[in-house]
Amino acid sequence: MFSKEEASRLRKTFWISYAKSFPRKWVLYNTKIKNFGFKFHADRKQAMVSLDIESSDEVQRELLFEQIVALKKIIENEYFSEAIFDKDYQLENGKIISRIYIIYPKKFSIYNKDTWSGCYFFFNENMHKFELLWFEYQDYIQQAVV
């Protein structure tokens, strides 16, 4: 087990190493839709890339999620066959969000450097696909909140 300082240093090293390995400016939160963005996630058990809809306005969150679900067949056929659509995803802090995500399929721990390289390629490939989806269907998705 690691001390808090060692764990913090490893997490920081993980993200710095990823940024150096794949230097790129991602869309992430620059969607022009409040509380709607793309995220990288890595912890001691798994890694994932996601589209998070975090609006505290449940109606807006539901409208945006339904707009994405309307694209489900396209998403599954052209971008992510393994995408998980979760209308009521509960974060560790108890907050409920809507999330569309792809989980890194191999064994992973942010505290095991031997698992990092494969995860970096997974992050890069799948976030790129999320961005392509966003650029292609941005106008359609934004209609949910106009």
Protein backbone atom coordinates (compact mmCIF):
# COMPACT_ATOMS: atom_id res chain seq x y z
CA MET A 1 0.00 0.00 0.00
CA PHE A 2 1.12 3.53 -0.68
CA SER A 3 1.15 6.53 1.60
CA LYS A 4 -1.12 9.41 0.59
CA GLU A 5 1.89 11.32 -0.70
CA GLU A 6 3.16 8.37 -2.77
CA ALA A 7 -0.30 7.70 -4.20
CA SER A 8 -0.72 11.37 -5.07
CA ARG A 9 2.71 11.46 -6.72
CA LEU A 10 1.91 8.34 -8.78
CA ARG A 11 -1.44 9.77 -9.96
CA LYS A 12 0.27 13.03 -10.93
CA THR A 13 3.04 11.12 -12.74
CA PHE A 14 0.41 9.06 -14.60
CA TRP A 15 -1.35 12.15 -15.99
CA ILE A 16 1.87 14.03 -16.78
CA SER A 17 3.25 10.99 -18.56
CA TYR A 18 0.05 10.66 -20.59
CA ALA A 19 0.13 14.33 -21.58
CA LYS A 20 3.77 14.01 -22.68
CA SER A 21 3.11 10.77 -24.58
CA PHE A 22 0.07 12.15 -26.41
CA PRO A 23 0.35 15.94 -26.44
CA ARG A 24 -2.94 17.28 -27.71
CA LYS A 25 -5.60 19.78 -26.79
CA TRP A 26 -8.86 17.88 -26.34
CA VAL A 27 -12.41 19.25 -26.54
CA LEU A 28 -13.28 18.00 -23.01
CA TYR A 29 -15.39 20.83 -21.51
CA ASN A 30 -15.29 23.14 -24.52
CA THR A 31 -18.69 21.98 -25.79
CA LYS A 32 -20.60 25.25 -25.19
CA ILE A 33 -23.11 23.20 -23.15
CA LYS A 34 -22.94 23.74 -19.42
CA ASN A 35 -22.13 20.60 -17.40
CA PHE A 36 -21.66 18.52 -20.57
CA GLY A 37 -18.18 17.27 -21.32
CA PHE A 38 -15.77 14.48 -22.06
CA LYS A 39 -13.57 12.96 -19.38
CA PHE A 40 -10.67 10.64 -18.83
CA HIS A 41 -10.91 8.56 -15.68
CA ALA A 42 -8.31 6.33 -14.07
CA ASP A 43 -8.22 4.87 -10.58
CA ARG A 44 -6.84 1.84 -8.78
CA LYS A 45 -9.30 -0.57 -10.46
CA GLN A 46 -10.18 0.72 -13.92
CA ALA A 47 -9.82 3.34 -16.60
CA MET A 48 -12.50 4.80 -18.85
CA VAL A 49 -13.33 7.55 -21.30
CA SER A 50 -16.75 9.12 -20.91
CA LEU A 51 -19.26 11.72 -21.95
CA ASP A 52 -20.71 13.12 -18.73
CA ILE A 53 -23.94 15.07 -18.45
CA GLU A 54 -23.77 16.59 -14.98
CA SER A 55 -26.55 19.17 -15.04
CA SER A 56 -28.30 19.57 -11.69
CA ASP A 57 -31.40 20.46 -13.73
CA GLU A 58 -32.85 16.97 -14.16
CA VAL A 59 -34.96 17.99 -17.16
CA GLN A 60 -31.93 19.33 -19.02
CA ARG A 61 -29.87 16.28 -18.08
CA GLU A 62 -32.63 13.98 -19.32
CA LEU A 63 -33.11 15.91 -22.57
CA LEU A 64 -29.40 15.77 -23.36
CA PHE A 65 -29.20 12.09 -22.49
CA GLU A 66 -32.22 11.30 -24.68
CA GLN A 67 -30.61 13.25 -27.54
CA ILE A 68 -27.50 11.06 -27.22
CA VAL A 69 -29.57 7.87 -26.89
CA ALA A 70 -31.30 8.80 -30.16
CA LEU A 71 -27.84 8.36 -31.71
CA LYS A 72 -27.24 5.03 -29.96
CA LYS A 73 -27.29 2.84 -33.09
CA ILE A 74 -24.89 5.22 -34.87
CA ILE A 75 -22.63 5.37 -31.82
CA GLU A 76 -22.56 1.58 -31.50
CA ASN A 77 -22.09 0.93 -35.24
CA GLU A 78 -19.64 3.69 -36.12
CA TYR A 79 -17.81 4.66 -32.93
CA PHE A 80 -18.12 2.35 -29.91
CA SER A 81 -19.71 -1.08 -30.11
CA GLU A 82 -18.99 -1.51 -26.39
CA ALA A 83 -20.44 1.84 -25.20
CA ILE A 84 -22.40 1.79 -21.95
CA PHE A 85 -25.33 4.21 -21.68
CA ASP A 86 -26.23 4.96 -18.06
CA LYS A 87 -28.96 7.53 -17.44
CA ASP A 88 -28.47 7.46 -13.66
CA TYR A 89 -24.78 6.88 -13.01
CA GLN A 90 -23.82 7.44 -9.39
CA LEU A 91 -20.45 9.05 -8.73
CA GLU A 92 -18.39 8.19 -5.64
CA ASN A 93 -19.64 11.37 -3.96
CA GLY A 94 -23.26 10.22 -4.43
CA LYS A 95 -24.11 12.68 -7.21
CA ILE A 96 -26.27 11.25 -10.01
CA ILE A 97 -25.21 12.09 -13.56
CA SER A 98 -25.86 10.62 -16.99
CA ARG A 99 -22.83 8.98 -18.56
CA ILE A 100 -21.93 7.28 -21.81
CA TYR A 101 -18.64 5.51 -21.35
CA ILE A 102 -16.14 2.97 -22.57
CA ILE A 103 -14.12 0.95 -20.05
CA TYR A 104 -10.52 -0.03 -20.69
CA PRO A 105 -10.87 -3.80 -21.23
CA LYS A 106 -7.57 -4.89 -19.70
CA LYS A 107 -6.40 -5.12 -16.12
CA PHE A 108 -5.48 -1.62 -14.94
CA SER A 109 -4.38 0.26 -11.86
CA ILE A 110 -3.14 3.82 -11.77
CA TYR A 111 -0.68 2.55 -9.15
CA ASN A 112 0.84 -0.07 -11.48
CA LYS A 113 3.10 1.55 -14.09
CA ASP A 114 3.10 -1.67 -16.13
CA THR A 115 -0.57 -1.03 -17.04
CA TRP A 116 -0.15 2.58 -18.12
CA SER A 117 1.06 2.26 -21.72
CA GLY A 118 -1.95 0.29 -22.97
CA CYS A 119 -4.29 2.63 -21.16
CA TYR A 120 -2.68 5.66 -22.81
CA PHE A 121 -3.37 4.20 -26.26
CA PHE A 122 -6.93 3.37 -25.19
CA PHE A 123 -7.44 6.96 -23.94
CA ASN A 124 -6.05 8.48 -27.11
CA GLU A 125 -8.03 6.29 -29.51
CA ASN A 126 -11.36 6.53 -27.69
CA MET A 127 -11.29 10.21 -26.81
CA HIS A 128 -10.52 10.86 -30.47
CA LYS A 129 -13.64 8.88 -31.39
CA PHE A 130 -15.70 10.88 -28.88
CA GLU A 131 -14.44 14.08 -30.48
CA LEU A 132 -15.31 12.84 -33.96
CA LEU A 133 -18.81 12.01 -32.71
CA TRP A 134 -19.07 15.46 -31.16
CA PHE A 135 -17.93 17.30 -34.30
CA GLU A 136 -20.31 15.29 -36.48
CA TYR A 137 -23.41 15.59 -34.24
CA GLN A 138 -22.76 18.77 -32.22
CA ASP A 139 -25.59 20.74 -33.80
CA TYR A 140 -28.04 17.90 -33.26
CA ILE A 141 -27.03 17.42 -29.60
CA GLN A 142 -27.21 21.14 -28.86
CA GLN A 143 -30.84 21.21 -30.05
CA ALA A 144 -31.77 19.56 -26.72
CA VAL A 145 -30.91 22.73 -24.82
CA VAL A 146 -31.85 25.49 -27.25
